Amino acid sequence: MRSPMTSAKRAECGMTVRLGARIRGLRYRRGVGSGSSEERQWDDADEPVQVWRYDPEWPARFDDERDLLQEALGEFVTGGIHHVGSTSVPGLDSKPIIDILAGVRDLGSTRPCIGLVAPLGYLYAPYRADEMHWFCKPHPSRRTHHLHLVPVTSARFHDELRFRDYLRSHRQVRVEYARLKHDLAERLRWDRDAYTQSKTAFVQDILRRGATTS
């Protein structure tokens, strides 16, 4: 894996569409069963934000993971499994975390998915639990993947795809976004929440632009 850029020391917390809620202090757990021995809180274990140069191997890493998730989730996936976030945009510097969006029918009927993806190393946390089932892999202190199970009829599902597609087709916007991430990473290396919140205005602006061109 490539070394981080020395001029841009940390960034990217996955897709930031309409994000603003705090992640720090969430209780992560493997599988189902609140209060189980597998559940614990990792307030101080979160890794610092870090931006790396674009790695052309990121799409292949997604492909490998998609196959595993499709086998594990089966018919719970009704809207496909998609590579989203900055690692899905060719040429865009990013935190080296593969963000994955899986479209599902609804949140209530897909609670069993929490247990189904646990053997793959995914930890569940109730982050924006009214919008999605959110997971990180393998641990908050060393993330390689984020997984979002999102209802296909929701605004969030379409926003994540719209944001990705706009970045893919607008080079100058990619340049601006990379510059913003590097700047924020330098200043907010140890404050992931502030880093994420500071990108929200940019993300919402892109979503507005994307809505007018779609």
N, C-alpha and C. Protein backbone atom coordinates (compact mmCIF):
# COMPACT_ATOMS: atom_id res chain seq x y z
N MET A 1 0.83 -1.19 0.00
CA MET A 1 0.00 0.00 0.00
C MET A 1 0.88 1.24 0.00
N ARG A 2 0.47 2.31 -0.67
CA ARG A 2 1.28 3.48 -0.79
C ARG A 2 1.36 4.26 0.50
N SER A 3 2.43 5.06 0.63
CA SER A 3 2.60 5.88 1.81
C SER A 3 1.73 7.12 1.69
N PRO A 4 1.32 7.70 2.84
CA PRO A 4 0.51 8.92 2.81
C PRO A 4 1.32 10.06 2.24
N MET A 5 0.65 11.07 1.70
CA MET A 5 1.33 12.26 1.21
C MET A 5 1.86 13.05 2.39
N THR A 6 3.09 13.50 2.32
CA THR A 6 3.67 14.24 3.42
C THR A 6 3.07 15.64 3.53
N SER A 7 2.57 16.22 2.46
CA SER A 7 2.02 17.56 2.51
C SER A 7 0.56 17.59 2.89
N ALA A 8 -0.04 16.44 3.06
CA ALA A 8 -1.46 16.40 3.40
C ALA A 8 -1.74 15.30 4.37
N LYS A 9 -1.61 15.52 5.55
CA LYS A 9 -1.55 14.48 6.57
C LYS A 9 -2.90 14.03 7.05
N ARG A 10 -3.82 13.76 6.57
CA ARG A 10 -5.00 13.10 7.12
C ARG A 10 -6.29 13.67 6.59
N ALA A 11 -7.24 12.77 6.24
CA ALA A 11 -8.58 13.23 5.89
C ALA A 11 -9.53 12.14 5.45
N GLU A 12 -10.69 12.49 5.10
CA GLU A 12 -11.75 11.68 4.52
C GLU A 12 -12.37 10.68 5.47
N CYS A 13 -13.64 10.84 5.73
CA CYS A 13 -14.37 9.96 6.64
C CYS A 13 -15.48 9.29 5.88
N GLY A 14 -15.22 8.91 4.62
CA GLY A 14 -16.27 8.28 3.86
C GLY A 14 -17.21 9.34 3.31
N MET A 15 -18.30 8.90 2.77
CA MET A 15 -19.27 9.79 2.16
C MET A 15 -19.81 10.75 3.19
N THR A 16 -19.89 12.06 2.86
CA THR A 16 -20.33 13.05 3.83
C THR A 16 -21.66 13.68 3.45
N VAL A 17 -22.43 13.02 2.60
CA VAL A 17 -23.70 13.58 2.20
C VAL A 17 -24.59 13.81 3.43
N ARG A 18 -24.93 15.03 3.66
CA ARG A 18 -25.84 15.41 4.73
C ARG A 18 -25.37 14.90 6.08
N LEU A 19 -24.09 14.81 6.26
CA LEU A 19 -23.58 14.39 7.55
C LEU A 19 -23.37 15.59 8.43
N GLY A 20 -23.41 15.39 9.71
CA GLY A 20 -23.18 16.44 10.67
C GLY A 20 -23.28 15.87 12.07
N ALA A 21 -23.88 14.70 12.19
CA ALA A 21 -23.98 14.05 13.50
C ALA A 21 -22.62 13.54 13.93
N ARG A 22 -22.43 13.38 15.21
CA ARG A 22 -21.14 12.97 15.74
C ARG A 22 -21.00 11.45 15.68
N ILE A 23 -19.79 11.00 15.34
CA ILE A 23 -19.47 9.58 15.31
C ILE A 23 -18.78 9.16 16.60
N ARG A 24 -17.97 10.05 17.17
CA ARG A 24 -17.17 9.70 18.33
C ARG A 24 -18.07 9.23 19.48
N GLY A 25 -17.69 8.15 20.13
CA GLY A 25 -18.42 7.67 21.29
C GLY A 25 -19.51 6.67 20.97
N LEU A 26 -19.68 6.30 19.69
CA LEU A 26 -20.68 5.31 19.35
C LEU A 26 -20.28 3.95 19.89
N ARG A 27 -21.28 3.14 20.17
CA ARG A 27 -21.02 1.77 20.62
C ARG A 27 -21.04 0.85 19.41
N TYR A 28 -19.91 0.25 19.12
CA TYR A 28 -19.78 -0.69 18.01
C TYR A 28 -20.07 -2.10 18.51
N ARG A 29 -20.58 -2.93 17.62
CA ARG A 29 -20.74 -4.33 18.01
C ARG A 29 -20.71 -5.23 16.79
N ARG A 30 -20.33 -6.46 17.05
CA ARG A 30 -20.36 -7.49 16.01
C ARG A 30 -21.67 -8.25 16.15
N GLY A 31 -22.36 -8.41 15.05
CA GLY A 31 -23.58 -9.20 15.06
C GLY A 31 -24.70 -8.54 15.82
N VAL A 32 -25.65 -9.34 16.29
CA VAL A 32 -26.83 -8.81 16.94
C VAL A 32 -26.73 -9.03 18.44
N GLY A 33 -27.61 -8.34 19.16
CA GLY A 33 -27.65 -8.55 20.59
C GLY A 33 -27.05 -7.41 21.36
N SER A 34 -27.83 -6.36 21.61
CA SER A 34 -27.34 -5.22 22.36
C SER A 34 -26.91 -5.66 23.74
N GLY A 35 -25.77 -5.15 24.17
CA GLY A 35 -25.28 -5.50 25.49
C GLY A 35 -24.49 -6.78 25.53
N SER A 36 -24.27 -7.39 24.38
CA SER A 36 -23.52 -8.64 24.36
C SER A 36 -22.06 -8.38 24.68
N SER A 37 -21.32 -9.47 24.88
CA SER A 37 -19.91 -9.34 25.20
C SER A 37 -19.11 -8.79 24.03
N GLU A 38 -19.71 -8.84 22.84
CA GLU A 38 -19.03 -8.32 21.66
C GLU A 38 -19.19 -6.82 21.51
N GLU A 39 -20.02 -6.20 22.34
CA GLU A 39 -20.29 -4.78 22.21
C GLU A 39 -19.38 -3.98 23.11
N ARG A 40 -18.79 -2.91 22.57
CA ARG A 40 -17.96 -2.06 23.39
C ARG A 40 -17.87 -0.68 22.77
N GLN A 41 -17.46 0.28 23.57
CA GLN A 41 -17.33 1.65 23.10
C GLN A 41 -15.85 1.98 22.93
N TRP A 42 -15.53 2.59 21.78
CA TRP A 42 -14.16 2.93 21.49
C TRP A 42 -14.05 4.44 21.30
N ASP A 43 -14.10 5.19 22.37
CA ASP A 43 -14.03 6.64 22.27
C ASP A 43 -12.67 7.11 21.78
N ASP A 44 -11.61 6.47 22.23
CA ASP A 44 -10.27 6.96 21.97
C ASP A 44 -9.53 6.14 20.92
N ALA A 45 -10.25 5.20 20.27
CA ALA A 45 -9.56 4.30 19.35
C ALA A 45 -9.67 4.74 17.90
N ASP A 46 -10.41 5.81 17.63
CA ASP A 46 -10.62 6.22 16.25
C ASP A 46 -9.32 6.71 15.62
N GLU A 47 -9.08 6.31 14.38
CA GLU A 47 -7.84 6.70 13.72
C GLU A 47 -7.92 8.15 13.27
N PRO A 48 -6.79 8.82 13.15
CA PRO A 48 -6.78 10.20 12.66
C PRO A 48 -7.15 10.23 11.18
N VAL A 49 -7.66 11.37 10.74
CA VAL A 49 -7.99 11.49 9.32
C VAL A 49 -6.70 11.59 8.52
N GLN A 50 -6.71 11.03 7.33
CA GLN A 50 -5.49 10.92 6.52
C GLN A 50 -5.83 10.84 5.04
N VAL A 51 -5.28 11.73 4.24
CA VAL A 51 -5.51 11.73 2.80
C VAL A 51 -4.31 11.11 2.08
N TRP A 52 -4.59 10.17 1.18
CA TRP A 52 -3.55 9.54 0.37
C TRP A 52 -3.78 9.90 -1.09
N ARG A 53 -2.72 9.76 -1.87
CA ARG A 53 -2.87 9.89 -3.32
C ARG A 53 -3.80 8.79 -3.83
N TYR A 54 -4.49 9.10 -4.92
CA TYR A 54 -5.37 8.10 -5.51
C TYR A 54 -4.61 6.82 -5.84
N ASP A 55 -5.21 5.70 -5.48
CA ASP A 55 -4.61 4.40 -5.75
C ASP A 55 -5.48 3.65 -6.76
N PRO A 56 -4.96 3.33 -7.94
CA PRO A 56 -5.76 2.63 -8.96
C PRO A 56 -6.19 1.23 -8.54
N GLU A 57 -5.70 0.74 -7.42
CA GLU A 57 -6.12 -0.58 -6.93
C GLU A 57 -7.41 -0.51 -6.12
N TRP A 58 -7.86 0.68 -5.77
CA TRP A 58 -9.07 0.80 -4.96
C TRP A 58 -10.31 0.16 -5.62
N PRO A 59 -10.54 0.36 -6.93
CA PRO A 59 -11.70 -0.29 -7.54
C PRO A 59 -11.67 -1.82 -7.43
N ALA A 60 -10.49 -2.41 -7.56
CA ALA A 60 -10.37 -3.86 -7.44
C ALA A 60 -10.68 -4.32 -6.02
N ARG A 61 -10.26 -3.52 -5.04
CA ARG A 61 -10.59 -3.86 -3.65
C ARG A 61 -12.09 -3.84 -3.44
N PHE A 62 -12.77 -2.88 -4.06
CA PHE A 62 -14.23 -2.85 -3.97
C PHE A 62 -14.83 -4.09 -4.63
N ASP A 63 -14.36 -4.44 -5.82
CA ASP A 63 -14.92 -5.60 -6.52
C ASP A 63 -14.83 -6.86 -5.67
N ASP A 64 -13.69 -7.06 -5.02
CA ASP A 64 -13.52 -8.23 -4.17
C ASP A 64 -14.53 -8.22 -3.02
N GLU A 65 -14.70 -7.06 -2.42
CA GLU A 65 -15.60 -6.97 -1.27
C GLU A 65 -17.06 -7.08 -1.68
N ARG A 66 -17.39 -6.54 -2.83
CA ARG A 66 -18.76 -6.64 -3.32
C ARG A 66 -19.18 -8.10 -3.48
N ASP A 67 -18.29 -8.92 -4.00
CA ASP A 67 -18.62 -10.33 -4.18
C ASP A 67 -18.90 -11.00 -2.84
N LEU A 68 -18.10 -10.68 -1.83
CA LEU A 68 -18.31 -11.26 -0.50
C LEU A 68 -19.64 -10.79 0.11
N LEU A 69 -19.93 -9.50 -0.05
CA LEU A 69 -21.16 -8.95 0.52
C LEU A 69 -22.39 -9.49 -0.20
N GLN A 70 -22.31 -9.64 -1.50
CA GLN A 70 -23.45 -10.17 -2.23
C GLN A 70 -23.78 -11.58 -1.78
N GLU A 71 -22.74 -12.37 -1.57
CA GLU A 71 -22.97 -13.74 -1.09
C GLU A 71 -23.54 -13.75 0.32
N ALA A 72 -23.07 -12.85 1.17
CA ALA A 72 -23.52 -12.81 2.56
C ALA A 72 -24.93 -12.26 2.69
N LEU A 73 -25.26 -11.24 1.92
CA LEU A 73 -26.53 -10.54 2.09
C LEU A 73 -27.64 -11.08 1.20
N GLY A 74 -27.27 -11.65 0.06
CA GLY A 74 -28.25 -12.29 -0.81
C GLY A 74 -29.41 -11.38 -1.18
N GLU A 75 -30.64 -11.86 -0.95
CA GLU A 75 -31.83 -11.15 -1.39
C GLU A 75 -32.15 -9.93 -0.55
N PHE A 76 -31.42 -9.70 0.53
CA PHE A 76 -31.62 -8.46 1.27
C PHE A 76 -31.22 -7.25 0.43
N VAL A 77 -30.32 -7.46 -0.52
CA VAL A 77 -29.89 -6.37 -1.39
C VAL A 77 -30.87 -6.26 -2.55
N THR A 78 -31.57 -5.13 -2.63
CA THR A 78 -32.56 -4.93 -3.68
C THR A 78 -32.16 -3.81 -4.65
N GLY A 79 -31.13 -3.04 -4.31
CA GLY A 79 -30.74 -1.91 -5.15
C GLY A 79 -29.29 -1.92 -5.56
N GLY A 80 -28.68 -3.10 -5.54
CA GLY A 80 -27.31 -3.21 -5.96
C GLY A 80 -26.30 -2.84 -4.88
N ILE A 81 -25.05 -3.17 -5.12
CA ILE A 81 -23.94 -2.85 -4.22
C ILE A 81 -23.00 -1.95 -5.00
N HIS A 82 -22.77 -0.74 -4.50
CA HIS A 82 -22.09 0.30 -5.26
C HIS A 82 -20.84 0.81 -4.54
N HIS A 83 -19.82 1.12 -5.31
CA HIS A 83 -18.63 1.78 -4.81
C HIS A 83 -18.91 3.28 -4.78
N VAL A 84 -18.85 3.89 -3.60
CA VAL A 84 -19.13 5.32 -3.46
C VAL A 84 -17.98 5.96 -2.69
N GLY A 85 -18.14 7.24 -2.35
CA GLY A 85 -17.08 7.93 -1.64
C GLY A 85 -15.91 8.26 -2.55
N SER A 86 -14.90 8.89 -2.01
CA SER A 86 -13.79 9.40 -2.82
C SER A 86 -12.97 8.30 -3.48
N THR A 87 -12.86 7.12 -2.87
CA THR A 87 -12.07 6.06 -3.50
C THR A 87 -12.73 5.54 -4.77
N SER A 88 -14.00 5.91 -4.99
CA SER A 88 -14.70 5.47 -6.20
C SER A 88 -14.53 6.45 -7.36
N VAL A 89 -13.81 7.55 -7.12
CA VAL A 89 -13.66 8.60 -8.13
C VAL A 89 -12.22 8.57 -8.66
N PRO A 90 -12.00 8.14 -9.89
CA PRO A 90 -10.64 8.06 -10.43
C PRO A 90 -9.90 9.39 -10.34
N GLY A 91 -8.69 9.32 -9.82
CA GLY A 91 -7.85 10.50 -9.73
C GLY A 91 -8.03 11.35 -8.49
N LEU A 92 -8.99 11.02 -7.64
CA LEU A 92 -9.27 11.85 -6.47
C LEU A 92 -8.52 11.31 -5.24
N ASP A 93 -7.73 12.17 -4.61
CA ASP A 93 -7.05 11.77 -3.38
C ASP A 93 -8.10 11.48 -2.31
N SER A 94 -7.78 10.53 -1.44
CA SER A 94 -8.81 10.06 -0.52
C SER A 94 -8.19 9.37 0.69
N LYS A 95 -8.98 9.27 1.74
CA LYS A 95 -8.62 8.34 2.79
C LYS A 95 -8.74 6.93 2.20
N PRO A 96 -7.79 6.04 2.50
CA PRO A 96 -7.79 4.71 1.86
C PRO A 96 -8.81 3.76 2.47
N ILE A 97 -10.05 4.20 2.50
CA ILE A 97 -11.16 3.39 3.01
C ILE A 97 -12.16 3.21 1.88
N ILE A 98 -12.52 1.98 1.59
CA ILE A 98 -13.47 1.68 0.53
C ILE A 98 -14.88 1.87 1.07
N ASP A 99 -15.59 2.87 0.56
CA ASP A 99 -16.97 3.12 0.96
C ASP A 99 -17.92 2.34 0.06
N ILE A 100 -18.84 1.61 0.69
CA ILE A 100 -19.73 0.72 -0.05
C ILE A 100 -21.18 1.04 0.31
N LEU A 101 -22.00 1.22 -0.71
CA LEU A 101 -23.42 1.49 -0.55
C LEU A 101 -24.21 0.29 -1.05
N ALA A 102 -25.04 -0.28 -0.20
CA ALA A 102 -25.91 -1.38 -0.60
C ALA A 102 -27.35 -0.94 -0.46
N GLY A 103 -28.10 -1.05 -1.54
CA GLY A 103 -29.50 -0.66 -1.51
C GLY A 103 -30.37 -1.77 -0.96
N VAL A 104 -31.20 -1.44 0.04
CA VAL A 104 -32.09 -2.42 0.67
C VAL A 104 -33.52 -1.89 0.65
N ARG A 105 -34.47 -2.77 0.95
CA ARG A 105 -35.88 -2.36 0.91
C ARG A 105 -36.21 -1.36 2.01
N ASP A 106 -35.80 -1.68 3.24
CA ASP A 106 -36.05 -0.80 4.37
C ASP A 106 -35.09 -1.18 5.49
N LEU A 107 -35.09 -0.40 6.56
CA LEU A 107 -34.17 -0.67 7.66
C LEU A 107 -34.69 -1.74 8.60
N GLY A 108 -35.98 -1.75 8.85
CA GLY A 108 -36.54 -2.70 9.81
C GLY A 108 -36.33 -4.15 9.42
N SER A 109 -36.61 -4.47 8.17
CA SER A 109 -36.53 -5.87 7.74
C SER A 109 -35.10 -6.33 7.50
N THR A 110 -34.15 -5.41 7.52
CA THR A 110 -32.76 -5.77 7.23
C THR A 110 -31.89 -5.78 8.48
N ARG A 111 -32.47 -5.74 9.66
CA ARG A 111 -31.69 -5.86 10.88
C ARG A 111 -30.86 -7.15 10.91
N PRO A 112 -31.38 -8.27 10.39
CA PRO A 112 -30.56 -9.49 10.38
C PRO A 112 -29.23 -9.34 9.63
N CYS A 113 -29.11 -8.35 8.77
CA CYS A 113 -27.87 -8.14 8.02
C CYS A 113 -26.71 -7.80 8.94
N ILE A 114 -27.01 -7.25 10.12
CA ILE A 114 -25.94 -6.92 11.06
C ILE A 114 -25.16 -8.18 11.42
N GLY A 115 -25.87 -9.25 11.63
CA GLY A 115 -25.21 -10.52 11.93
C GLY A 115 -24.60 -11.17 10.70
N LEU A 116 -25.21 -10.96 9.54
CA LEU A 116 -24.71 -11.62 8.33
C LEU A 116 -23.35 -11.10 7.89
N VAL A 117 -23.08 -9.81 8.13
CA VAL A 117 -21.79 -9.26 7.68
C VAL A 117 -20.73 -9.31 8.78
N ALA A 118 -21.12 -9.69 9.99
CA ALA A 118 -20.14 -9.77 11.08
C ALA A 118 -19.00 -10.75 10.77
N PRO A 119 -19.26 -11.92 10.18
CA PRO A 119 -18.15 -12.83 9.86
C PRO A 119 -17.16 -12.25 8.86
N LEU A 120 -17.56 -11.22 8.13
CA LEU A 120 -16.66 -10.58 7.18
C LEU A 120 -15.81 -9.50 7.85
N GLY A 121 -16.05 -9.28 9.15
CA GLY A 121 -15.24 -8.32 9.88
C GLY A 121 -15.89 -6.97 10.09
N TYR A 122 -17.17 -6.83 9.78
CA TYR A 122 -17.84 -5.54 9.90
C TYR A 122 -18.40 -5.32 11.30
N LEU A 123 -18.10 -4.16 11.85
CA LEU A 123 -18.63 -3.73 13.15
C LEU A 123 -19.77 -2.75 12.91
N TYR A 124 -20.89 -3.00 13.54
CA TYR A 124 -22.05 -2.12 13.40
C TYR A 124 -22.02 -1.02 14.46
N ALA A 125 -22.43 0.19 14.07
CA ALA A 125 -22.61 1.28 15.03
C ALA A 125 -23.86 2.06 14.62
N PRO A 126 -24.65 2.53 15.58
CA PRO A 126 -25.90 3.24 15.26
C PRO A 126 -25.66 4.68 14.84
N TYR A 127 -24.90 4.87 13.77
CA TYR A 127 -24.61 6.19 13.26
C TYR A 127 -25.66 6.56 12.21
N ARG A 128 -26.37 7.67 12.43
CA ARG A 128 -27.49 8.08 11.58
C ARG A 128 -28.41 6.89 11.34
N ALA A 129 -28.83 6.28 12.44
CA ALA A 129 -29.59 5.03 12.39
C ALA A 129 -30.96 5.21 11.77
N ASP A 130 -31.44 6.44 11.65
CA ASP A 130 -32.71 6.67 10.97
C ASP A 130 -32.57 6.66 9.46
N GLU A 131 -31.33 6.65 8.96
CA GLU A 131 -31.09 6.68 7.52
C GLU A 131 -30.46 5.41 6.98
N MET A 132 -29.70 4.69 7.83
CA MET A 132 -28.95 3.56 7.30
C MET A 132 -28.48 2.66 8.43
N HIS A 133 -28.04 1.46 8.07
CA HIS A 133 -27.23 0.62 8.95
C HIS A 133 -25.78 0.88 8.55
N TRP A 134 -24.99 1.34 9.51
CA TRP A 134 -23.62 1.79 9.22
C TRP A 134 -22.62 0.84 9.87
N PHE A 135 -21.56 0.50 9.13
CA PHE A 135 -20.54 -0.43 9.60
C PHE A 135 -19.15 0.09 9.23
N CYS A 136 -18.16 -0.31 10.03
CA CYS A 136 -16.77 -0.13 9.62
C CYS A 136 -16.06 -1.47 9.77
N LYS A 137 -14.96 -1.61 9.05
CA LYS A 137 -14.19 -2.86 9.04
C LYS A 137 -12.72 -2.51 8.99
N PRO A 138 -11.89 -3.17 9.75
CA PRO A 138 -12.21 -4.17 10.78
C PRO A 138 -12.35 -3.56 12.18
N HIS A 139 -11.97 -2.28 12.34
CA HIS A 139 -11.90 -1.68 13.67
C HIS A 139 -11.84 -0.17 13.50
N PRO A 140 -12.43 0.60 14.41
CA PRO A 140 -12.39 2.07 14.26
C PRO A 140 -10.99 2.65 14.22
N SER A 141 -10.01 1.97 14.79
CA SER A 141 -8.65 2.49 14.81
C SER A 141 -7.85 2.12 13.55
N ARG A 142 -8.41 1.26 12.71
CA ARG A 142 -7.70 0.83 11.50
C ARG A 142 -8.74 0.40 10.46
N ARG A 143 -9.32 1.37 9.82
CA ARG A 143 -10.44 1.11 8.92
C ARG A 143 -9.96 0.81 7.50
N THR A 144 -10.56 -0.20 6.91
CA THR A 144 -10.31 -0.49 5.50
C THR A 144 -11.58 -0.32 4.66
N HIS A 145 -12.75 -0.50 5.28
CA HIS A 145 -14.03 -0.41 4.58
C HIS A 145 -15.09 0.25 5.46
N HIS A 146 -15.98 0.98 4.81
CA HIS A 146 -17.24 1.43 5.41
C HIS A 146 -18.37 0.81 4.59
N LEU A 147 -19.42 0.40 5.27
CA LEU A 147 -20.58 -0.18 4.59
C LEU A 147 -21.83 0.55 5.03
N HIS A 148 -22.63 1.00 4.06
CA HIS A 148 -23.91 1.65 4.33
C HIS A 148 -25.02 0.79 3.72
N LEU A 149 -25.94 0.31 4.54
CA LEU A 149 -27.15 -0.33 4.03
C LEU A 149 -28.25 0.72 4.08
N VAL A 150 -28.72 1.14 2.90
CA VAL A 150 -29.61 2.30 2.80
C VAL A 150 -30.84 1.94 1.98
N PRO A 151 -32.04 2.30 2.45
CA PRO A 151 -33.25 2.04 1.67
C PRO A 151 -33.17 2.71 0.30
N VAL A 152 -33.56 1.98 -0.74
CA VAL A 152 -33.43 2.48 -2.10
C VAL A 152 -34.38 3.64 -2.40
N THR A 153 -35.42 3.80 -1.60
CA THR A 153 -36.36 4.90 -1.83
C THR A 153 -35.96 6.17 -1.08
N SER A 154 -34.87 6.13 -0.35
CA SER A 154 -34.49 7.27 0.48
C SER A 154 -33.67 8.29 -0.31
N ALA A 155 -33.67 9.53 0.20
CA ALA A 155 -32.85 10.58 -0.40
C ALA A 155 -31.38 10.25 -0.28
N ARG A 156 -30.99 9.66 0.83
CA ARG A 156 -29.58 9.35 1.04
C ARG A 156 -29.03 8.41 -0.02
N PHE A 157 -29.79 7.39 -0.37
CA PHE A 157 -29.33 6.43 -1.37
C PHE A 157 -28.99 7.14 -2.68
N HIS A 158 -29.88 7.99 -3.12
CA HIS A 158 -29.67 8.68 -4.39
C HIS A 158 -28.61 9.77 -4.27
N ASP A 159 -28.51 10.41 -3.10
CA ASP A 159 -27.50 11.45 -2.91
C ASP A 159 -26.08 10.88 -2.98
N GLU A 160 -25.87 9.72 -2.38
CA GLU A 160 -24.52 9.15 -2.40
C GLU A 160 -24.09 8.85 -3.83
N LEU A 161 -25.01 8.35 -4.64
CA LEU A 161 -24.69 8.06 -6.03
C LEU A 161 -24.53 9.34 -6.84
N ARG A 162 -25.39 10.32 -6.58
CA ARG A 162 -25.31 11.58 -7.33
C ARG A 162 -24.00 12.31 -7.05
N PHE A 163 -23.58 12.34 -5.80
CA PHE A 163 -22.34 13.00 -5.45
C PHE A 163 -21.15 12.33 -6.15
N ARG A 164 -21.11 11.02 -6.10
CA ARG A 164 -20.04 10.27 -6.78
C ARG A 164 -20.02 10.57 -8.27
N ASP A 165 -21.17 10.51 -8.91
CA ASP A 165 -21.24 10.68 -10.35
C ASP A 165 -20.85 12.10 -10.77
N TYR A 166 -21.21 13.09 -9.96
CA TYR A 166 -20.84 14.46 -10.30
C TYR A 166 -19.33 14.64 -10.22
N LEU A 167 -18.71 14.09 -9.20
CA LEU A 167 -17.26 14.19 -9.08
C LEU A 167 -16.57 13.47 -10.23
N ARG A 168 -17.10 12.34 -10.62
CA ARG A 168 -16.48 11.59 -11.72
C ARG A 168 -16.50 12.38 -13.03
N SER A 169 -17.50 13.19 -13.24
CA SER A 169 -17.66 13.87 -14.52
C SER A 169 -17.23 15.33 -14.52
N HIS A 170 -16.73 15.84 -13.39
CA HIS A 170 -16.32 17.25 -13.32
C HIS A 170 -14.93 17.35 -12.70
N ARG A 171 -13.93 17.45 -13.57
CA ARG A 171 -12.55 17.43 -13.11
C ARG A 171 -12.23 18.60 -12.18
N GLN A 172 -12.67 19.80 -12.51
CA GLN A 172 -12.33 20.95 -11.70
C GLN A 172 -12.92 20.83 -10.29
N VAL A 173 -14.09 20.24 -10.19
CA VAL A 173 -14.70 20.03 -8.88
C VAL A 173 -13.88 19.03 -8.07
N ARG A 174 -13.34 18.01 -8.74
CA ARG A 174 -12.47 17.07 -8.05
C ARG A 174 -11.24 17.78 -7.49
N VAL A 175 -10.67 18.68 -8.28
CA VAL A 175 -9.50 19.42 -7.82
C VAL A 175 -9.85 20.26 -6.59
N GLU A 176 -10.98 20.93 -6.63
CA GLU A 176 -11.41 21.77 -5.51
C GLU A 176 -11.67 20.92 -4.26
N TYR A 177 -12.28 19.78 -4.46
CA TYR A 177 -12.60 18.92 -3.32
C TYR A 177 -11.33 18.36 -2.70
N ALA A 178 -10.39 17.94 -3.53
CA ALA A 178 -9.11 17.43 -3.00
C ALA A 178 -8.38 18.52 -2.23
N ARG A 179 -8.38 19.74 -2.75
CA ARG A 179 -7.71 20.85 -2.05
C ARG A 179 -8.36 21.09 -0.69
N LEU A 180 -9.69 21.07 -0.65
CA LEU A 180 -10.40 21.26 0.61
C LEU A 180 -10.06 20.16 1.61
N LYS A 181 -10.04 18.92 1.16
CA LYS A 181 -9.76 17.81 2.07
C LYS A 181 -8.35 17.89 2.64
N HIS A 182 -7.39 18.22 1.79
CA HIS A 182 -6.01 18.34 2.27
C HIS A 182 -5.88 19.46 3.30
N ASP A 183 -6.53 20.57 3.01
CA ASP A 183 -6.46 21.70 3.94
C ASP A 183 -7.09 21.34 5.29
N LEU A 184 -8.26 20.75 5.25
CA LEU A 184 -8.93 20.37 6.50
C LEU A 184 -8.14 19.30 7.25
N ALA A 185 -7.54 18.39 6.50
CA ALA A 185 -6.78 17.32 7.14
C ALA A 185 -5.58 17.87 7.90
N GLU A 186 -4.94 18.88 7.34
CA GLU A 186 -3.81 19.48 8.01
C GLU A 186 -4.23 20.12 9.33
N ARG A 187 -5.40 20.75 9.34
CA ARG A 187 -5.85 21.51 10.51
C ARG A 187 -6.62 20.67 11.51
N LEU A 188 -7.28 19.61 11.03
CA LEU A 188 -8.20 18.86 11.89
C LEU A 188 -7.85 17.38 11.96
N ARG A 189 -6.58 17.09 11.94
CA ARG A 189 -6.11 15.71 11.89
C ARG A 189 -6.72 14.85 13.00
N TRP A 190 -6.86 15.38 14.20
CA TRP A 190 -7.33 14.58 15.33
C TRP A 190 -8.77 14.88 15.70
N ASP A 191 -9.50 15.57 14.82
CA ASP A 191 -10.91 15.87 15.09
C ASP A 191 -11.74 15.47 13.88
N ARG A 192 -12.04 14.20 13.80
CA ARG A 192 -12.76 13.64 12.66
C ARG A 192 -14.14 14.28 12.50
N ASP A 193 -14.81 14.56 13.60
CA ASP A 193 -16.13 15.16 13.52
C ASP A 193 -16.08 16.54 12.88
N ALA A 194 -15.14 17.37 13.34
CA ALA A 194 -15.01 18.72 12.77
C ALA A 194 -14.62 18.65 11.31
N TYR A 195 -13.76 17.71 10.96
CA TYR A 195 -13.35 17.52 9.57
C TYR A 195 -14.56 17.22 8.69
N THR A 196 -15.38 16.28 9.14
CA THR A 196 -16.56 15.89 8.38
C THR A 196 -17.54 17.04 8.26
N GLN A 197 -17.81 17.71 9.35
CA GLN A 197 -18.76 18.82 9.34
C GLN A 197 -18.27 19.96 8.44
N SER A 198 -16.97 20.16 8.38
CA SER A 198 -16.42 21.25 7.59
C SER A 198 -16.55 20.99 6.09
N LYS A 199 -16.80 19.77 5.69
CA LYS A 199 -16.99 19.45 4.28
C LYS A 199 -18.46 19.51 3.86
N THR A 200 -19.36 19.63 4.83
CA THR A 200 -20.79 19.50 4.54
C THR A 200 -21.27 20.54 3.54
N ALA A 201 -20.85 21.79 3.69
CA ALA A 201 -21.32 22.84 2.78
C ALA A 201 -20.92 22.54 1.34
N PHE A 202 -19.69 22.05 1.16
CA PHE A 202 -19.22 21.71 -0.18
C PHE A 202 -20.06 20.58 -0.76
N VAL A 203 -20.29 19.56 0.04
CA VAL A 203 -21.05 18.40 -0.44
C VAL A 203 -22.47 18.80 -0.81
N GLN A 204 -23.11 19.59 0.01
CA GLN A 204 -24.48 20.01 -0.27
C GLN A 204 -24.56 20.86 -1.54
N ASP A 205 -23.53 21.68 -1.75
CA ASP A 205 -23.50 22.48 -2.98
C ASP A 205 -23.41 21.59 -4.21
N ILE A 206 -22.58 20.55 -4.13
CA ILE A 206 -22.46 19.62 -5.26
C ILE A 206 -23.77 18.88 -5.49
N LEU A 207 -24.44 18.51 -4.43
CA LEU A 207 -25.73 17.82 -4.59
C LEU A 207 -26.76 18.73 -5.26
N ARG A 208 -26.73 20.02 -4.92
CA ARG A 208 -27.65 20.95 -5.58
C ARG A 208 -27.33 21.07 -7.06
N ARG A 209 -26.04 21.14 -7.38
CA ARG A 209 -25.65 21.21 -8.78
C ARG A 209 -26.06 19.93 -9.51
N GLY A 210 -25.82 18.80 -8.86
CA GLY A 210 -26.17 17.53 -9.49
C GLY A 210 -27.64 17.39 -9.73
N ALA A 211 -28.46 17.93 -8.85
CA ALA A 211 -29.91 17.82 -8.99
C ALA A 211 -30.40 18.61 -10.19
N THR A 212 -29.72 19.70 -10.52
CA THR A 212 -30.15 20.53 -11.64
C THR A 212 -29.70 19.99 -12.99
N THR A 213 -28.71 19.10 -12.96
CA THR A 213 -28.19 18.56 -14.22
C THR A 213 -28.66 17.14 -14.50
N SER A 214 -29.31 16.51 -13.49
CA SER A 214 -29.74 15.12 -13.68
C SER A 214 -31.07 15.05 -14.42
